[in-house]
Amino acid sequence: MITGFSKHSAAWFIGIDRGDRIIPAGQLKYGLNKPEGKAVFSILKKAVIHETEAAAYVEPFIRIGVRFRNWTRAGKMRLPVLENVILG
């Protein structure tokens, strides 16, 4: 799920839906220039629920498919890449 985006670099904050909560999974920086990524970003800008100087957090309603190398020791995805946007 997309939980926010950086205001200073091309990056989305992503998390894993565990039913009653969303576990932060890192930042997605690769694959955002695909047509799907560009379309989603325009939606994200309209879904902001909280902002800081560096980031905007959104209602987590957009699901995405990503591929990544492996998990870090901190429990984050290493080098996640946008594969697809899951509608519905």
N, C-alpha and C. Protein backbone atom coordinates (compact mmCIF):
# COMPACT_ATOMS: atom_id res chain seq x y z
N MET A 1 0.84 -1.18 0.00
CA MET A 1 0.00 0.00 0.00
C MET A 1 0.88 1.24 0.00
N ILE A 2 0.39 2.28 -0.61
CA ILE A 2 1.11 3.54 -0.59
C ILE A 2 0.60 4.35 0.61
N THR A 3 1.52 4.80 1.44
CA THR A 3 1.13 5.54 2.64
C THR A 3 1.54 7.00 2.59
N GLY A 4 2.35 7.37 1.59
CA GLY A 4 2.77 8.77 1.48
C GLY A 4 3.81 8.94 0.39
N PHE A 5 4.34 10.16 0.31
CA PHE A 5 5.37 10.43 -0.68
C PHE A 5 6.29 11.53 -0.18
N SER A 6 7.51 11.53 -0.70
CA SER A 6 8.50 12.54 -0.37
C SER A 6 8.23 13.81 -1.17
N LYS A 7 8.44 14.94 -0.54
CA LYS A 7 8.31 16.22 -1.25
C LYS A 7 9.62 16.65 -1.89
N HIS A 8 10.72 16.00 -1.53
CA HIS A 8 12.04 16.42 -2.00
C HIS A 8 12.67 15.47 -3.01
N SER A 9 12.14 14.27 -3.12
CA SER A 9 12.69 13.32 -4.09
C SER A 9 11.55 12.45 -4.62
N ALA A 10 11.82 11.76 -5.69
CA ALA A 10 10.79 10.88 -6.27
C ALA A 10 10.77 9.58 -5.48
N ALA A 11 9.93 9.53 -4.45
CA ALA A 11 9.83 8.34 -3.61
C ALA A 11 8.45 8.27 -2.97
N TRP A 12 7.92 7.05 -2.93
CA TRP A 12 6.66 6.80 -2.21
C TRP A 12 6.98 6.02 -0.96
N PHE A 13 6.23 6.26 0.10
CA PHE A 13 6.34 5.46 1.31
C PHE A 13 5.35 4.30 1.17
N ILE A 14 5.81 3.10 1.45
CA ILE A 14 4.96 1.94 1.26
C ILE A 14 4.86 1.13 2.54
N GLY A 15 3.77 0.38 2.64
CA GLY A 15 3.55 -0.46 3.80
C GLY A 15 2.80 -1.72 3.42
N ILE A 16 2.79 -2.66 4.34
CA ILE A 16 2.13 -3.94 4.13
C ILE A 16 0.88 -3.98 5.01
N ASP A 17 -0.25 -4.26 4.39
CA ASP A 17 -1.53 -4.32 5.10
C ASP A 17 -1.61 -5.61 5.90
N ARG A 18 -1.75 -5.47 7.22
CA ARG A 18 -1.88 -6.63 8.11
C ARG A 18 -3.26 -6.67 8.76
N GLY A 19 -4.26 -6.18 8.03
CA GLY A 19 -5.63 -6.21 8.54
C GLY A 19 -5.95 -5.03 9.42
N ASP A 20 -5.49 -5.06 10.66
CA ASP A 20 -5.80 -3.99 11.60
C ASP A 20 -4.77 -2.87 11.62
N ARG A 21 -3.66 -3.06 10.91
CA ARG A 21 -2.63 -2.01 10.84
C ARG A 21 -1.77 -2.18 9.60
N ILE A 22 -1.03 -1.13 9.29
CA ILE A 22 -0.13 -1.15 8.14
C ILE A 22 1.30 -1.08 8.66
N ILE A 23 2.10 -2.05 8.28
CA ILE A 23 3.50 -2.13 8.71
C ILE A 23 4.36 -1.39 7.69
N PRO A 24 5.12 -0.36 8.11
CA PRO A 24 6.00 0.35 7.16
C PRO A 24 7.00 -0.62 6.52
N ALA A 25 7.16 -0.52 5.19
CA ALA A 25 8.04 -1.43 4.46
C ALA A 25 9.15 -0.71 3.71
N GLY A 26 9.23 0.62 3.81
CA GLY A 26 10.32 1.35 3.18
C GLY A 26 9.85 2.38 2.17
N GLN A 27 10.80 2.77 1.33
CA GLN A 27 10.52 3.77 0.29
C GLN A 27 10.67 3.13 -1.08
N LEU A 28 9.73 3.43 -1.95
CA LEU A 28 9.75 2.95 -3.33
C LEU A 28 10.26 4.08 -4.21
N LYS A 29 11.38 3.85 -4.89
CA LYS A 29 11.97 4.90 -5.73
C LYS A 29 12.07 4.50 -7.20
N TYR A 30 11.90 3.21 -7.50
CA TYR A 30 12.13 2.73 -8.86
C TYR A 30 10.81 2.30 -9.51
N GLY A 31 10.66 2.64 -10.78
CA GLY A 31 9.47 2.28 -11.52
C GLY A 31 8.38 3.34 -11.49
N LEU A 32 8.65 4.47 -10.84
CA LEU A 32 7.64 5.51 -10.72
C LEU A 32 7.40 6.27 -12.02
N ASN A 33 8.32 6.16 -12.96
CA ASN A 33 8.15 6.88 -14.23
C ASN A 33 7.31 6.09 -15.24
N LYS A 34 6.83 4.91 -14.86
CA LYS A 34 5.90 4.17 -15.72
C LYS A 34 4.60 4.95 -15.80
N PRO A 35 3.80 4.73 -16.83
CA PRO A 35 2.51 5.44 -16.92
C PRO A 35 1.64 5.24 -15.69
N GLU A 36 1.65 4.02 -15.12
CA GLU A 36 0.85 3.76 -13.93
C GLU A 36 1.32 4.62 -12.75
N GLY A 37 2.62 4.74 -12.62
CA GLY A 37 3.18 5.55 -11.52
C GLY A 37 2.80 7.01 -11.64
N LYS A 38 2.85 7.52 -12.85
CA LYS A 38 2.50 8.92 -13.06
C LYS A 38 1.02 9.16 -12.78
N ALA A 39 0.16 8.23 -13.18
CA ALA A 39 -1.27 8.37 -12.93
C ALA A 39 -1.59 8.30 -11.44
N VAL A 40 -0.92 7.39 -10.74
CA VAL A 40 -1.15 7.26 -9.30
C VAL A 40 -0.70 8.50 -8.55
N PHE A 41 0.41 9.09 -8.96
CA PHE A 41 0.91 10.27 -8.25
C PHE A 41 -0.10 11.41 -8.28
N SER A 42 -0.79 11.59 -9.39
CA SER A 42 -1.79 12.66 -9.44
C SER A 42 -2.93 12.38 -8.46
N ILE A 43 -3.26 11.11 -8.24
CA ILE A 43 -4.28 10.75 -7.25
C ILE A 43 -3.76 10.98 -5.84
N LEU A 44 -2.51 10.61 -5.60
CA LEU A 44 -1.92 10.77 -4.27
C LEU A 44 -1.94 12.22 -3.81
N LYS A 45 -1.63 13.13 -4.72
CA LYS A 45 -1.60 14.55 -4.35
C LYS A 45 -2.95 15.04 -3.85
N LYS A 46 -4.04 14.40 -4.30
CA LYS A 46 -5.38 14.79 -3.87
C LYS A 46 -5.83 14.07 -2.60
N ALA A 47 -5.07 13.06 -2.16
CA ALA A 47 -5.47 12.22 -1.03
C ALA A 47 -4.66 12.49 0.24
N VAL A 48 -3.96 13.61 0.29
CA VAL A 48 -3.10 13.93 1.44
C VAL A 48 -3.96 14.15 2.69
N ILE A 49 -3.54 13.49 3.79
CA ILE A 49 -4.24 13.67 5.07
C ILE A 49 -3.36 14.35 6.12
N HIS A 50 -2.04 14.35 5.89
CA HIS A 50 -1.12 15.01 6.83
C HIS A 50 0.15 15.37 6.07
N GLU A 51 0.73 16.52 6.40
CA GLU A 51 1.95 16.97 5.73
C GLU A 51 2.99 17.43 6.73
N THR A 52 4.25 17.22 6.38
CA THR A 52 5.38 17.82 7.07
C THR A 52 6.16 18.59 6.02
N GLU A 53 7.25 19.17 6.42
CA GLU A 53 8.07 19.90 5.44
C GLU A 53 8.63 18.96 4.37
N ALA A 54 8.94 17.72 4.75
CA ALA A 54 9.60 16.80 3.83
C ALA A 54 8.68 15.75 3.21
N ALA A 55 7.49 15.54 3.78
CA ALA A 55 6.67 14.43 3.32
C ALA A 55 5.18 14.76 3.37
N ALA A 56 4.44 14.01 2.58
CA ALA A 56 2.98 14.08 2.61
C ALA A 56 2.48 12.65 2.82
N TYR A 57 1.55 12.49 3.75
CA TYR A 57 0.99 11.18 4.06
C TYR A 57 -0.43 11.13 3.52
N VAL A 58 -0.78 9.98 2.96
CA VAL A 58 -2.07 9.85 2.28
C VAL A 58 -2.91 8.74 2.92
N GLU A 59 -4.20 8.81 2.66
CA GLU A 59 -5.09 7.72 3.05
C GLU A 59 -4.61 6.47 2.29
N PRO A 60 -4.32 5.38 2.99
CA PRO A 60 -3.74 4.19 2.32
C PRO A 60 -4.78 3.33 1.62
N PHE A 61 -5.21 3.77 0.44
CA PHE A 61 -6.23 3.01 -0.30
C PHE A 61 -5.72 2.48 -1.63
N ILE A 62 -4.52 2.85 -2.03
CA ILE A 62 -3.98 2.37 -3.30
C ILE A 62 -3.02 1.22 -3.04
N ARG A 63 -3.37 0.06 -3.59
CA ARG A 63 -2.52 -1.12 -3.46
C ARG A 63 -1.62 -1.23 -4.69
N ILE A 64 -0.41 -1.67 -4.46
CA ILE A 64 0.55 -1.83 -5.55
C ILE A 64 1.24 -3.17 -5.43
N GLY A 65 1.74 -3.64 -6.56
CA GLY A 65 2.59 -4.82 -6.58
C GLY A 65 4.02 -4.36 -6.77
N VAL A 66 4.92 -4.89 -5.97
CA VAL A 66 6.33 -4.54 -6.08
C VAL A 66 7.17 -5.81 -6.10
N ARG A 67 8.33 -5.69 -6.68
CA ARG A 67 9.34 -6.73 -6.53
C ARG A 67 10.50 -6.08 -5.79
N PHE A 68 11.22 -6.87 -5.03
CA PHE A 68 12.34 -6.33 -4.27
C PHE A 68 13.39 -7.41 -4.09
N ARG A 69 14.59 -6.99 -3.76
CA ARG A 69 15.71 -7.93 -3.67
C ARG A 69 15.58 -8.86 -2.47
N ASN A 70 15.42 -8.28 -1.29
CA ASN A 70 15.26 -9.07 -0.07
C ASN A 70 14.85 -8.13 1.07
N TRP A 71 14.76 -8.67 2.27
CA TRP A 71 14.39 -7.86 3.44
C TRP A 71 15.66 -7.40 4.15
N THR A 72 15.64 -6.17 4.63
CA THR A 72 16.77 -5.68 5.43
C THR A 72 16.63 -6.21 6.85
N ARG A 73 17.66 -6.06 7.63
CA ARG A 73 17.59 -6.46 9.05
C ARG A 73 16.53 -5.66 9.79
N ALA A 74 16.27 -4.45 9.32
CA ALA A 74 15.27 -3.58 9.96
C ALA A 74 13.84 -3.92 9.52
N GLY A 75 13.68 -4.92 8.66
CA GLY A 75 12.35 -5.33 8.22
C GLY A 75 11.78 -4.52 7.08
N LYS A 76 12.64 -3.85 6.33
CA LYS A 76 12.21 -3.06 5.17
C LYS A 76 12.56 -3.79 3.88
N MET A 77 11.86 -3.44 2.80
CA MET A 77 12.16 -4.02 1.49
C MET A 77 13.42 -3.36 0.93
N ARG A 78 14.32 -4.19 0.44
CA ARG A 78 15.54 -3.66 -0.18
C ARG A 78 15.30 -3.48 -1.67
N LEU A 79 15.49 -2.26 -2.16
CA LEU A 79 15.35 -1.90 -3.58
C LEU A 79 14.01 -2.31 -4.19
N PRO A 80 12.90 -1.87 -3.60
CA PRO A 80 11.61 -2.20 -4.21
C PRO A 80 11.41 -1.46 -5.53
N VAL A 81 10.74 -2.13 -6.46
CA VAL A 81 10.46 -1.58 -7.79
C VAL A 81 8.97 -1.75 -8.06
N LEU A 82 8.32 -0.69 -8.53
CA LEU A 82 6.89 -0.76 -8.85
C LEU A 82 6.69 -1.71 -10.01
N GLU A 83 5.82 -2.70 -9.82
CA GLU A 83 5.46 -3.64 -10.87
C GLU A 83 4.09 -3.32 -11.46
N ASN A 84 3.11 -3.07 -10.59
CA ASN A 84 1.78 -2.78 -11.07
C ASN A 84 0.94 -2.10 -9.98
N VAL A 85 -0.17 -1.55 -10.42
CA VAL A 85 -1.15 -0.94 -9.52
C VAL A 85 -2.33 -1.90 -9.49
N ILE A 86 -2.80 -2.22 -8.29
CA ILE A 86 -3.88 -3.18 -8.12
C ILE A 86 -5.17 -2.42 -7.85
N LEU A 87 -6.10 -2.52 -8.76
CA LEU A 87 -7.37 -1.82 -8.62
C LEU A 87 -8.42 -2.74 -8.01
N GLY A 88 -9.25 -2.14 -7.16
CA GLY A 88 -10.35 -2.91 -6.59
C GLY A 88 -10.15 -3.35 -5.18
